[in-house]
PDB file of N, CA and C in Angstrom:
ATOM      1  N   UNK A   1      44.211   0.771   0.877  1.00  0.00           N
ATOM      2  CA  UNK A   1      42.968   0.081   0.707  1.00  0.00           C
ATOM      3  C   UNK A   1      43.251  -1.418   0.697  1.00  0.00           C
ATOM      4  N   UNK A   2      42.206  -2.165   1.022  1.00  0.00           N
ATOM      5  CA  UNK A   2      42.307  -3.619   1.089  1.00  0.00           C
ATOM      6  C   UNK A   2      41.187  -4.256   0.275  1.00  0.00           C
ATOM      7  N   UNK A   3      41.479  -5.402  -0.311  1.00  0.00           N
ATOM      8  CA  UNK A   3      40.430  -6.221  -0.901  1.00  0.00           C
ATOM      9  C   UNK A   3      39.772  -6.986   0.226  1.00  0.00           C
ATOM     10  N   UNK A   4      38.463  -7.167   0.108  1.00  0.00           N
ATOM     11  CA  UNK A   4      37.725  -7.928   1.112  1.00  0.00           C
ATOM     12  C   UNK A   4      36.894  -8.996   0.420  1.00  0.00           C
ATOM     13  N   UNK A   5      36.507  -9.985   1.208  1.00  0.00           N
ATOM     14  CA  UNK A   5      35.579 -10.984   0.719  1.00  0.00           C
ATOM     15  C   UNK A   5      34.295 -10.247   0.322  1.00  0.00           C
ATOM     16  N   UNK A   6      33.775 -10.551  -0.853  1.00  0.00           N
ATOM     17  CA  UNK A   6      32.589  -9.858  -1.373  1.00  0.00           C
ATOM     18  C   UNK A   6      31.426  -9.921  -0.397  1.00  0.00           C
ATOM     19  N   UNK A   7      30.789  -8.762  -0.235  1.00  0.00           N
ATOM     20  CA  UNK A   7      29.579  -8.725   0.590  1.00  0.00           C
ATOM     21  C   UNK A   7      28.508  -7.923  -0.143  1.00  0.00           C
ATOM     22  N   UNK A   8      27.258  -8.377  -0.060  1.00  0.00           N
ATOM     23  CA  UNK A   8      26.179  -7.622  -0.713  1.00  0.00           C
ATOM     24  C   UNK A   8      25.847  -6.366   0.078  1.00  0.00           C
ATOM     25  N   UNK A   9      25.578  -5.295  -0.635  1.00  0.00           N
ATOM     26  CA  UNK A   9      25.229  -4.013  -0.029  1.00  0.00           C
ATOM     27  C   UNK A   9      24.096  -3.402  -0.856  1.00  0.00           C
ATOM     28  N   UNK A  10      23.345  -2.507  -0.248  1.00  0.00           N
ATOM     29  CA  UNK A  10      22.275  -1.803  -0.957  1.00  0.00           C
ATOM     30  C   UNK A  10      22.657  -0.343  -1.108  1.00  0.00           C
ATOM     31  N   UNK A  11      22.477   0.180  -2.321  1.00  0.00           N
ATOM     32  CA  UNK A  11      22.687   1.597  -2.583  1.00  0.00           C
ATOM     33  C   UNK A  11      21.474   2.089  -3.368  1.00  0.00           C
ATOM     34  N   UNK A  12      20.705   2.974  -2.757  1.00  0.00           N
ATOM     35  CA  UNK A  12      19.512   3.548  -3.390  1.00  0.00           C
ATOM     36  C   UNK A  12      18.600   2.460  -3.955  1.00  0.00           C
ATOM     37  N   UNK A  13      18.384   1.408  -3.173  1.00  0.00           N
ATOM     38  CA  UNK A  13      17.475   0.348  -3.575  1.00  0.00           C
ATOM     39  C   UNK A  13      18.039  -0.663  -4.553  1.00  0.00           C
ATOM     40  N   UNK A  14      19.306  -0.540  -4.888  1.00  0.00           N
ATOM     41  CA  UNK A  14      19.950  -1.460  -5.827  1.00  0.00           C
ATOM     42  C   UNK A  14      20.964  -2.330  -5.097  1.00  0.00           C
ATOM     43  N   UNK A  15      20.966  -3.610  -5.428  1.00  0.00           N
ATOM     44  CA  UNK A  15      21.946  -4.523  -4.846  1.00  0.00           C
ATOM     45  C   UNK A  15      23.295  -4.309  -5.535  1.00  0.00           C
ATOM     46  N   UNK A  16      24.326  -4.095  -4.741  1.00  0.00           N
ATOM     47  CA  UNK A  16      25.697  -3.955  -5.249  1.00  0.00           C
ATOM     48  C   UNK A  16      26.603  -4.851  -4.422  1.00  0.00           C
ATOM     49  N   UNK A  17      27.775  -5.111  -4.936  1.00  0.00           N
ATOM     50  CA  UNK A  17      28.725  -5.951  -4.225  1.00  0.00           C
ATOM     51  C   UNK A  17      29.923  -5.125  -3.807  1.00  0.00           C
ATOM     52  N   UNK A  18      30.208  -5.120  -2.527  1.00  0.00           N
ATOM     53  CA  UNK A  18      31.381  -4.408  -2.000  1.00  0.00           C
ATOM     54  C   UNK A  18      32.555  -5.375  -1.968  1.00  0.00           C
ATOM     55  N   UNK A  19      33.688  -4.932  -2.521  1.00  0.00           N
ATOM     56  CA  UNK A  19      34.879  -5.786  -2.572  1.00  0.00           C
ATOM     57  C   UNK A  19      36.136  -5.073  -2.088  1.00  0.00           C
ATOM     58  N   UNK A  20      36.016  -3.787  -1.744  1.00  0.00           N
ATOM     59  CA  UNK A  20      37.183  -2.995  -1.342  1.00  0.00           C
ATOM     60  C   UNK A  20      36.866  -2.276  -0.035  1.00  0.00           C
ATOM     61  N   UNK A  21      37.862  -2.201   0.836  1.00  0.00           N
ATOM     62  CA  UNK A  21      37.717  -1.597   2.159  1.00  0.00           C
ATOM     63  C   UNK A  21      38.769  -0.517   2.301  1.00  0.00           C
ATOM     64  N   UNK A  22      38.341   0.704   2.628  1.00  0.00           N
ATOM     65  CA  UNK A  22      39.271   1.805   2.836  1.00  0.00           C
ATOM     66  C   UNK A  22      39.120   2.306   4.273  1.00  0.00           C
ATOM     67  N   UNK A  23      40.220   2.719   4.860  1.00  0.00           N
ATOM     68  CA  UNK A  23      40.231   3.179   6.246  1.00  0.00           C
ATOM     69  C   UNK A  23      41.233   4.307   6.376  1.00  0.00           C
ATOM     70  N   UNK A  24      40.828   5.378   7.080  1.00  0.00           N
ATOM     71  CA  UNK A  24      41.787   6.465   7.327  1.00  0.00           C
ATOM     72  C   UNK A  24      41.451   7.138   8.655  1.00  0.00           C
ATOM     73  N   UNK A  25      42.489   7.564   9.379  1.00  0.00           N
ATOM     74  CA  UNK A  25      42.244   8.248  10.657  1.00  0.00           C
ATOM     75  C   UNK A  25      41.692   9.648  10.406  1.00  0.00           C
ATOM     76  N   UNK A  26      40.722  10.045  11.238  1.00  0.00           N
ATOM     77  CA  UNK A  26      40.154  11.384  11.075  1.00  0.00           C
ATOM     78  C   UNK A  26      40.169  12.193  12.368  1.00  0.00           C
ATOM     79  N   UNK A  27      40.590  11.588  13.461  1.00  0.00           N
ATOM     80  CA  UNK A  27      40.615  12.341  14.712  1.00  0.00           C
ATOM     81  C   UNK A  27      40.822  11.427  15.896  1.00  0.00           C
ATOM     82  N   UNK A  28      40.499  11.931  17.036  1.00  0.00           N
ATOM     83  CA  UNK A  28      40.643  11.174  18.269  1.00  0.00           C
ATOM     84  C   UNK A  28      41.049  12.082  19.399  1.00  0.00           C
ATOM     85  N   UNK A  29      41.380  11.453  20.482  1.00  0.00           N
ATOM     86  CA  UNK A  29      41.827  12.177  21.671  1.00  0.00           C
ATOM     87  C   UNK A  29      43.206  11.641  22.027  1.00  0.00           C
ATOM     88  N   UNK A  30      44.181  12.535  22.102  1.00  0.00           N
ATOM     89  CA  UNK A  30      45.560  12.109  22.358  1.00  0.00           C
ATOM     90  C   UNK A  30      45.658  11.149  23.529  1.00  0.00           C
ATOM     91  N   UNK A  31      46.355  10.061  23.305  1.00  0.00           N
ATOM     92  CA  UNK A  31      46.637   9.040  24.315  1.00  0.00           C
ATOM     93  C   UNK A  31      45.382   8.355  24.844  1.00  0.00           C
ATOM     94  N   UNK A  32      44.237   8.536  24.179  1.00  0.00           N
ATOM     95  CA  UNK A  32      42.986   7.936  24.633  1.00  0.00           C
ATOM     96  C   UNK A  32      42.292   7.105  23.553  1.00  0.00           C
ATOM     97  N   UNK A  33      42.151   7.703  22.363  1.00  0.00           N
ATOM     98  CA  UNK A  33      41.382   7.029  21.321  1.00  0.00           C
ATOM     99  C   UNK A  33      41.741   7.581  19.942  1.00  0.00           C
ATOM    100  N   UNK A  34      41.335   6.825  18.923  1.00  0.00           N
ATOM    101  CA  UNK A  34      41.490   7.253  17.535  1.00  0.00           C
ATOM    102  C   UNK A  34      40.177   6.976  16.820  1.00  0.00           C
ATOM    103  N   UNK A  35      39.765   7.917  15.994  1.00  0.00           N
ATOM    104  CA  UNK A  35      38.554   7.736  15.210  1.00  0.00           C
ATOM    105  C   UNK A  35      38.940   7.604  13.743  1.00  0.00           C
ATOM    106  N   UNK A  36      38.342   6.633  13.088  1.00  0.00           N
ATOM    107  CA  UNK A  36      38.640   6.334  11.691  1.00  0.00           C
ATOM    108  C   UNK A  36      37.382   6.495  10.845  1.00  0.00           C
ATOM    109  N   UNK A  37      37.569   6.943   9.614  1.00  0.00           N
ATOM    110  CA  UNK A  37      36.514   6.907   8.614  1.00  0.00           C
ATOM    111  C   UNK A  37      36.733   5.629   7.821  1.00  0.00           C
ATOM    112  N   UNK A  38      35.668   4.840   7.626  1.00  0.00           N
ATOM    113  CA  UNK A  38      35.789   3.654   6.798  1.00  0.00           C
ATOM    114  C   UNK A  38      34.807   3.745   5.640  1.00  0.00           C
ATOM    115  N   UNK A  39      35.159   3.092   4.544  1.00  0.00           N
ATOM    116  CA  UNK A  39      34.277   3.032   3.385  1.00  0.00           C
ATOM    117  C   UNK A  39      34.405   1.666   2.732  1.00  0.00           C
ATOM    118  N   UNK A  40      33.274   1.125   2.339  1.00  0.00           N
ATOM    119  CA  UNK A  40      33.238  -0.065   1.510  1.00  0.00           C
ATOM    120  C   UNK A  40      32.970   0.415   0.093  1.00  0.00           C
ATOM    121  N   UNK A  41      33.666  -0.160  -0.870  1.00  0.00           N
ATOM    122  CA  UNK A  41      33.545   0.286  -2.251  1.00  0.00           C
ATOM    123  C   UNK A  41      33.310  -0.900  -3.173  1.00  0.00           C
ATOM    124  N   UNK A  42      32.697  -0.621  -4.336  1.00  0.00           N
ATOM    125  CA  UNK A  42      32.559  -1.673  -5.331  1.00  0.00           C
ATOM    126  C   UNK A  42      33.786  -1.654  -6.237  1.00  0.00           C
ATOM    127  N   UNK A  43      33.802  -2.493  -7.250  1.00  0.00           N
ATOM    128  CA  UNK A  43      34.983  -2.600  -8.115  1.00  0.00           C
ATOM    129  C   UNK A  43      35.244  -1.339  -8.937  1.00  0.00           C
ATOM    130  N   UNK A  44      34.234  -0.462  -9.050  1.00  0.00           N
ATOM    131  CA  UNK A  44      34.414   0.815  -9.750  1.00  0.00           C
ATOM    132  C   UNK A  44      34.820   1.941  -8.799  1.00  0.00           C
ATOM    133  N   UNK A  45      35.131   1.599  -7.553  1.00  0.00           N
ATOM    134  CA  UNK A  45      35.530   2.530  -6.502  1.00  0.00           C
ATOM    135  C   UNK A  45      34.409   3.485  -6.098  1.00  0.00           C
ATOM    136  N   UNK A  46      33.175   3.025  -6.232  1.00  0.00           N
ATOM    137  CA  UNK A  46      32.013   3.782  -5.775  1.00  0.00           C
ATOM    138  C   UNK A  46      31.725   3.364  -4.339  1.00  0.00           C
ATOM    139  N   UNK A  47      31.560   4.334  -3.447  1.00  0.00           N
ATOM    140  CA  UNK A  47      31.294   4.034  -2.039  1.00  0.00           C
ATOM    141  C   UNK A  47      29.910   3.397  -1.924  1.00  0.00           C
ATOM    142  N   UNK A  48      29.866   2.219  -1.317  1.00  0.00           N
ATOM    143  CA  UNK A  48      28.606   1.504  -1.130  1.00  0.00           C
ATOM    144  C   UNK A  48      28.120   1.582   0.314  1.00  0.00           C
ATOM    145  N   UNK A  49      29.015   1.832   1.228  1.00  0.00           N
ATOM    146  CA  UNK A  49      28.677   2.017   2.651  1.00  0.00           C
ATOM    147  C   UNK A  49      29.850   2.719   3.307  1.00  0.00           C
ATOM    148  N   UNK A  50      29.572   3.541   4.324  1.00  0.00           N
ATOM    149  CA  UNK A  50      30.662   4.220   5.025  1.00  0.00           C
ATOM    150  C   UNK A  50      30.211   4.617   6.415  1.00  0.00           C
ATOM    151  N   UNK A  51      31.178   5.047   7.208  1.00  0.00           N
ATOM    152  CA  UNK A  51      30.876   5.470   8.564  1.00  0.00           C
ATOM    153  C   UNK A  51      32.143   5.747   9.341  1.00  0.00           C
ATOM    154  N   UNK A  52      31.999   5.913  10.647  1.00  0.00           N
ATOM    155  CA  UNK A  52      33.131   6.175  11.535  1.00  0.00           C
ATOM    156  C   UNK A  52      33.237   5.053  12.556  1.00  0.00           C
ATOM    157  N   UNK A  53      34.447   4.816  13.009  1.00  0.00           N
ATOM    158  CA  UNK A  53      34.734   3.767  13.974  1.00  0.00           C
ATOM    159  C   UNK A  53      35.777   4.299  14.950  1.00  0.00           C
ATOM    160  N   UNK A  54      35.559   4.101  16.246  1.00  0.00           N
ATOM    161  CA  UNK A  54      36.507   4.586  17.254  1.00  0.00           C
ATOM    162  C   UNK A  54      37.232   3.421  17.904  1.00  0.00           C
ATOM    163  N   UNK A  55      38.545   3.567  18.027  1.00  0.00           N
ATOM    164  CA  UNK A  55      39.402   2.596  18.707  1.00  0.00           C
ATOM    165  C   UNK A  55      39.833   3.214  20.031  1.00  0.00           C
ATOM    166  N   UNK A  56      39.669   2.470  21.119  1.00  0.00           N
ATOM    167  CA  UNK A  56      40.074   2.997  22.430  1.00  0.00           C
ATOM    168  C   UNK A  56      40.548   1.850  23.315  1.00  0.00           C
ATOM    169  N   UNK A  57      40.948   2.188  24.519  1.00  0.00           N
ATOM    170  CA  UNK A  57      41.356   1.188  25.500  1.00  0.00           C
ATOM    171  C   UNK A  57      42.592   0.416  25.088  1.00  0.00           C
ATOM    172  N   UNK A  58      42.602  -0.873  25.374  1.00  0.00           N
ATOM    173  CA  UNK A  58      43.751  -1.735  25.097  1.00  0.00           C
ATOM    174  C   UNK A  58      44.082  -1.769  23.608  1.00  0.00           C
ATOM    175  N   UNK A  59      43.057  -1.787  22.772  1.00  0.00           N
ATOM    176  CA  UNK A  59      43.287  -1.796  21.314  1.00  0.00           C
ATOM    177  C   UNK A  59      44.050  -0.552  20.883  1.00  0.00           C
ATOM    178  N   UNK A  60      43.657   0.609  21.422  1.00  0.00           N
ATOM    179  CA  UNK A  60      44.343   1.856  21.083  1.00  0.00           C
ATOM    180  C   UNK A  60      45.803   1.800  21.553  1.00  0.00           C
ATOM    181  N   UNK A  61      46.030   1.267  22.749  1.00  0.00           N
ATOM    182  CA  UNK A  61      47.390   1.172  23.293  1.00  0.00           C
ATOM    183  C   UNK A  61      48.276   0.256  22.451  1.00  0.00           C
ATOM    184  N   UNK A  62      47.694  -0.781  21.859  1.00  0.00           N
ATOM    185  CA  UNK A  62      48.461  -1.722  21.039  1.00  0.00           C
ATOM    186  C   UNK A  62      48.652  -1.234  19.609  1.00  0.00           C
ATOM    187  N   UNK A  63      47.832  -0.301  19.186  1.00  0.00           N
ATOM    188  CA  UNK A  63      47.848   0.169  17.803  1.00  0.00           C
ATOM    189  C   UNK A  63      49.204   0.725  17.386  1.00  0.00           C
ATOM    190  N   UNK A  64      49.694   1.741  18.045  1.00  0.00           N
ATOM    191  CA  UNK A  64      50.994   2.324  17.727  1.00  0.00           C
ATOM    192  C   UNK A  64      51.130   2.841  16.303  1.00  0.00           C
ATOM    193  N   UNK A  65      50.062   3.320  15.687  1.00  0.00           N
ATOM    194  CA  UNK A  65      50.065   3.859  14.321  1.00  0.00           C
ATOM    195  C   UNK A  65      50.411   2.826  13.252  1.00  0.00           C
ATOM    196  N   UNK A  66      50.182   1.544  13.540  1.00  0.00           N
ATOM    197  CA  UNK A  66      50.432   0.472  12.580  1.00  0.00           C
ATOM    198  C   UNK A  66      49.191   0.304  11.694  1.00  0.00           C
ATOM    199  N   UNK A  67      49.337   0.596  10.412  1.00  0.00           N
ATOM    200  CA  UNK A  67      48.196   0.526   9.493  1.00  0.00           C
ATOM    201  C   UNK A  67      47.550  -0.859   9.470  1.00  0.00           C
ATOM    202  N   UNK A  68      48.360  -1.906   9.430  1.00  0.00           N
ATOM    203  CA  UNK A  68      47.819  -3.268   9.375  1.00  0.00           C
ATOM    204  C   UNK A  68      46.981  -3.567  10.616  1.00  0.00           C
ATOM    205  N   UNK A  69      47.459  -3.144  11.762  1.00  0.00           N
ATOM    206  CA  UNK A  69      46.712  -3.358  13.007  1.00  0.00           C
ATOM    207  C   UNK A  69      45.361  -2.649  12.932  1.00  0.00           C
ATOM    208  N   UNK A  70      45.356  -1.409  12.459  1.00  0.00           N
ATOM    209  CA  UNK A  70      44.113  -0.639  12.360  1.00  0.00           C
ATOM    210  C   UNK A  70      43.141  -1.300  11.383  1.00  0.00           C
ATOM    211  N   UNK A  71      43.631  -1.736  10.225  1.00  0.00           N
ATOM    212  CA  UNK A  71      42.771  -2.417   9.261  1.00  0.00           C
ATOM    213  C   UNK A  71      42.181  -3.696   9.860  1.00  0.00           C
ATOM    214  N   UNK A  72      43.019  -4.485  10.521  1.00  0.00           N
ATOM    215  CA  UNK A  72      42.539  -5.739  11.119  1.00  0.00           C
ATOM    216  C   UNK A  72      41.524  -5.469  12.229  1.00  0.00           C
ATOM    217  N   UNK A  73      41.768  -4.455  13.036  1.00  0.00           N
ATOM    218  CA  UNK A  73      40.842  -4.076  14.106  1.00  0.00           C
ATOM    219  C   UNK A  73      39.485  -3.685  13.508  1.00  0.00           C
ATOM    220  N   UNK A  74      39.511  -2.806  12.525  1.00  0.00           N
ATOM    221  CA  UNK A  74      38.273  -2.331  11.906  1.00  0.00           C
ATOM    222  C   UNK A  74      37.546  -3.468  11.194  1.00  0.00           C
ATOM    223  N   UNK A  75      38.278  -4.314  10.494  1.00  0.00           N
ATOM    224  CA  UNK A  75      37.647  -5.438   9.792  1.00  0.00           C
ATOM    225  C   UNK A  75      36.940  -6.364  10.780  1.00  0.00           C
ATOM    226  N   UNK A  76      37.575  -6.603  11.918  1.00  0.00           N
ATOM    227  CA  UNK A  76      36.950  -7.451  12.934  1.00  0.00           C
ATOM    228  C   UNK A  76      35.665  -6.808  13.457  1.00  0.00           C
ATOM    229  N   UNK A  77      35.708  -5.519  13.740  1.00  0.00           N
ATOM    230  CA  UNK A  77      34.534  -4.815  14.265  1.00  0.00           C
ATOM    231  C   UNK A  77      33.392  -4.763  13.239  1.00  0.00           C
ATOM    232  N   UNK A  78      33.742  -4.719  11.949  1.00  0.00           N
ATOM    233  CA  UNK A  78      32.745  -4.604  10.884  1.00  0.00           C
ATOM    234  C   UNK A  78      32.384  -5.955  10.253  1.00  0.00           C
ATOM    235  N   UNK A  79      32.938  -7.028  10.802  1.00  0.00           N
ATOM    236  CA  UNK A  79      32.703  -8.381  10.272  1.00  0.00           C
ATOM    237  C   UNK A  79      33.104  -8.516   8.804  1.00  0.00           C
ATOM    238  N   UNK A  80      34.270  -7.985   8.477  1.00  0.00           N
ATOM    239  CA  UNK A  80      34.814  -8.080   7.128  1.00  0.00           C
ATOM    240  C   UNK A  80      35.974  -9.063   7.118  1.00  0.00           C
ATOM    241  N   UNK A  81      36.188  -9.700   5.977  1.00  0.00           N
ATOM    242  CA  UNK A  81      37.329 -10.601   5.818  1.00  0.00           C
ATOM    243  C   UNK A  81      38.265  -9.982   4.782  1.00  0.00           C
ATOM    244  N   UNK A  82      39.442  -9.564   5.221  1.00  0.00           N
ATOM    245  CA  UNK A  82      40.444  -8.982   4.323  1.00  0.00           C
ATOM    246  C   UNK A  82      41.108 -10.116   3.552  1.00  0.00           C
ATOM    247  N   UNK A  83      41.173  -9.954   2.223  1.00  0.00           N
ATOM    248  CA  UNK A  83      41.787 -10.990   1.387  1.00  0.00           C
ATOM    249  C   UNK A  83      43.127 -10.557   0.800  1.00  0.00           C
ATOM    250  N   UNK A  84      43.500  -9.293   0.969  1.00  0.00           N
ATOM    251  CA  UNK A  84      44.792  -8.822   0.466  1.00  0.00           C
ATOM    252  C   UNK A  84      44.791  -7.329   0.255  1.00  0.00           C
ATOM    253  N   UNK A  85      45.923  -6.822  -0.182  1.00  0.00           N
ATOM    254  CA  UNK A  85      46.046  -5.396  -0.477  1.00  0.00           C
ATOM    255  C   UNK A  85      45.367  -5.091  -1.804  1.00  0.00           C
ATOM    256  N   UNK A  86      44.736  -3.934  -1.885  1.00  0.00           N
ATOM    257  CA  UNK A  86      44.121  -3.501  -3.134  1.00  0.00           C
ATOM    258  C   UNK A  86      45.207  -2.987  -4.060  1.00  0.00           C
ATOM    259  N   UNK A  87      45.166  -3.431  -5.310  1.00  0.00           N
ATOM    260  CA  UNK A  87      46.095  -2.955  -6.322  1.00  0.00           C
ATOM    261  C   UNK A  87      45.247  -2.359  -7.439  1.00  0.00           C
ATOM    262  N   UNK A  88      45.457  -1.095  -7.702  1.00  0.00           N
ATOM    263  CA  UNK A  88      44.674  -0.404  -8.734  1.00  0.00           C
ATOM    264  C   UNK A  88      44.955  -1.020 -10.099  1.00  0.00           C
ATOM    265  N   UNK A  89      43.914  -1.190 -10.914  1.00  0.00           N
ATOM    266  CA  UNK A  89      44.127  -1.753 -12.248  1.00  0.00           C
ATOM    267  C   UNK A  89      44.901  -0.784 -13.129  1.00  0.00           C
ATOM    268  N   UNK A  90      45.629  -1.340 -14.071  1.00  0.00           N
ATOM    269  CA  UNK A  90      46.362  -0.529 -15.037  1.00  0.00           C
ATOM    270  C   UNK A  90      45.385  -0.188 -16.149  1.00  0.00           C
ATOM    271  N   UNK A  91      45.266   1.086 -16.435  1.00  0.00           N
ATOM    272  CA  UNK A  91      44.334   1.538 -17.471  1.00  0.00           C
ATOM    273  C   UNK A  91      45.114   1.825 -18.744  1.00  0.00           C
ATOM    274  N   UNK A  92      44.650   1.290 -19.848  1.00  0.00           N
ATOM    275  CA  UNK A  92      45.306   1.524 -21.128  1.00  0.00           C
ATOM    276  C   UNK A  92      46.259   0.404 -21.476  1.00  0.00           C
ATOM    277  N   UNK A  93      46.929   0.572 -22.566  1.00  0.00           N
ATOM    278  CA  UNK A  93      47.860  -0.429 -23.061  1.00  0.00           C
ATOM    279  C   UNK A  93      49.282  -0.007 -22.734  1.00  0.00           C
ATOM    280  N   UNK A  94      50.044  -0.955 -22.271  1.00  0.00           N
ATOM    281  CA  UNK A  94      51.449  -0.675 -21.987  1.00  0.00           C
ATOM    282  C   UNK A  94      52.231  -0.860 -23.279  1.00  0.00           C
ATOM    283  N   UNK A  95      52.948   0.157 -23.672  1.00  0.00           N
ATOM    284  CA  UNK A  95      53.728   0.111 -24.902  1.00  0.00           C
ATOM    285  C   UNK A  95      55.196   0.077 -24.527  1.00  0.00           C
ATOM    286  N   UNK A  96      55.861  -0.933 -25.061  1.00  0.00           N
ATOM    287  CA  UNK A  96      57.296  -1.054 -24.808  1.00  0.00           C
ATOM    288  C   UNK A  96      58.038   0.043 -25.573  1.00  0.00           C
ATOM    289  N   UNK A  97      58.984   0.711 -24.934  1.00  0.00           N
ATOM    290  CA  UNK A  97      59.750   1.734 -25.658  1.00  0.00           C
ATOM    291  C   UNK A  97      60.629   1.080 -26.723  1.00  0.00           C
ATOM    292  N   UNK A  98      60.815   1.775 -27.803  1.00  0.00           N
ATOM    293  CA  UNK A  98      61.659   1.235 -28.869  1.00  0.00           C
ATOM    294  C   UNK A  98      63.090   1.701 -28.647  1.00  0.00           C
ATOM    295  N   UNK A  99      63.998   0.899 -29.107  1.00  0.00           N
ATOM    296  CA  UNK A  99      65.413   1.253 -29.006  1.00  0.00           C
ATOM    297  C   UNK A  99      65.774   2.016 -30.275  1.00  0.00           C
ATOM    298  N   UNK A 100      66.286   3.212 -30.106  1.00  0.00           N
ATOM    299  CA  UNK A 100      66.674   4.012 -31.271  1.00  0.00           C
ATOM    300  C   UNK A 100      68.062   3.588 -31.720  1.00  0.00           C
ATOM    301  N   UNK A 101      68.186   3.491 -33.038  1.00  0.00           N
ATOM    302  CA  UNK A 101      69.501   3.141 -33.570  1.00  0.00           C
ATOM    303  C   UNK A 101      70.417   4.353 -33.477  1.00  0.00           C
ATOM    304  N   UNK A 102      71.682   4.071 -33.239  1.00  0.00           N
ATOM    305  CA  UNK A 102      72.620   5.195 -33.169  1.00  0.00           C
ATOM    306  C   UNK A 102      72.867   5.728 -34.569  1.00  0.00           C
ATOM    307  N   UNK A 103      73.094   6.986 -34.655  1.00  0.00           N
ATOM    308  CA  UNK A 103      73.290   7.665 -35.925  1.00  0.00           C
ATOM    309  C   UNK A 103      74.762   8.006 -36.065  1.00  0.00           C
ATOM    310  N   UNK A 104      75.353   7.590 -37.167  1.00  0.00           N
ATOM    311  CA  UNK A 104      76.751   7.889 -37.422  1.00  0.00           C
ATOM    312  C   UNK A 104      76.817   9.084 -38.366  1.00  0.00           C
ATOM    313  N   UNK A 105      77.547  10.096 -37.955  1.00  0.00           N
ATOM    314  CA  UNK A 105      77.693  11.290 -38.784  1.00  0.00           C
ATOM    315  C   UNK A 105      79.140  11.369 -39.228  1.00  0.00           C
ATOM    316  N   UNK A 106      79.330  11.479 -40.534  1.00  0.00           N
ATOM    317  CA  UNK A 106      80.695  11.581 -41.049  1.00  0.00           C
ATOM    318  C   UNK A 106      80.987  13.051 -41.321  1.00  0.00           C
ATOM    319  N   UNK A 107      82.219  13.429 -41.037  1.00  0.00           N
ATOM    320  CA  UNK A 107      82.588  14.818 -41.236  1.00  0.00           C
ATOM    321  C   UNK A 107      83.967  14.871 -41.867  1.00  0.00           C
ATOM    322  N   UNK A 108      84.178  15.886 -42.687  1.00  0.00           N
ATOM    323  CA  UNK A 108      85.464  16.051 -43.341  1.00  0.00           C
ATOM    324  C   UNK A 108      86.433  16.797 -42.440  1.00  0.00           C
ATOM    325  N   UNK A 109      85.954  17.349 -41.362  1.00  0.00           N
ATOM    326  CA  UNK A 109      86.780  18.163 -40.478  1.00  0.00           C
ATOM    327  C   UNK A 109      87.371  17.302 -39.410  1.00  0.00           C
ATOM    328  N   UNK A 110      88.671  17.491 -39.168  1.00  0.00           N
ATOM    329  CA  UNK A 110      89.306  16.760 -38.070  1.00  0.00           C
ATOM    330  C   UNK A 110      89.168  17.562 -36.791  1.00  0.00           C
ATOM    331  N   UNK A 111      89.031  16.845 -35.732  1.00  0.00           N
ATOM    332  CA  UNK A 111      88.913  17.507 -34.437  1.00  0.00           C
ATOM    333  C   UNK A 111      90.174  17.321 -33.667  1.00  0.00           C
TER     334      UNK A 111
END
């Protein structure tokens, strides 16, 4: 997934802001074209808009299964501006592990 420049979107009559772009291949025709599913999401990862996009011709020939190329191609076709890779937020508190003290056991038995 990629972060994108915020764009306003409508979902069920409500204005929402899309900030995340997801893209995945879903089909195509060998050596001819590739079809991708795309989704725009808000910061809560709720889909605000989605659809399919087909890459063919010279673009398909240059693609070579390169994810960055596919994202850039789709962003250009959808008039999106990619601002970076999406990094999922860390949920909860990070707790540093404690160092356990070594335990010395004394014994009367010789080994």
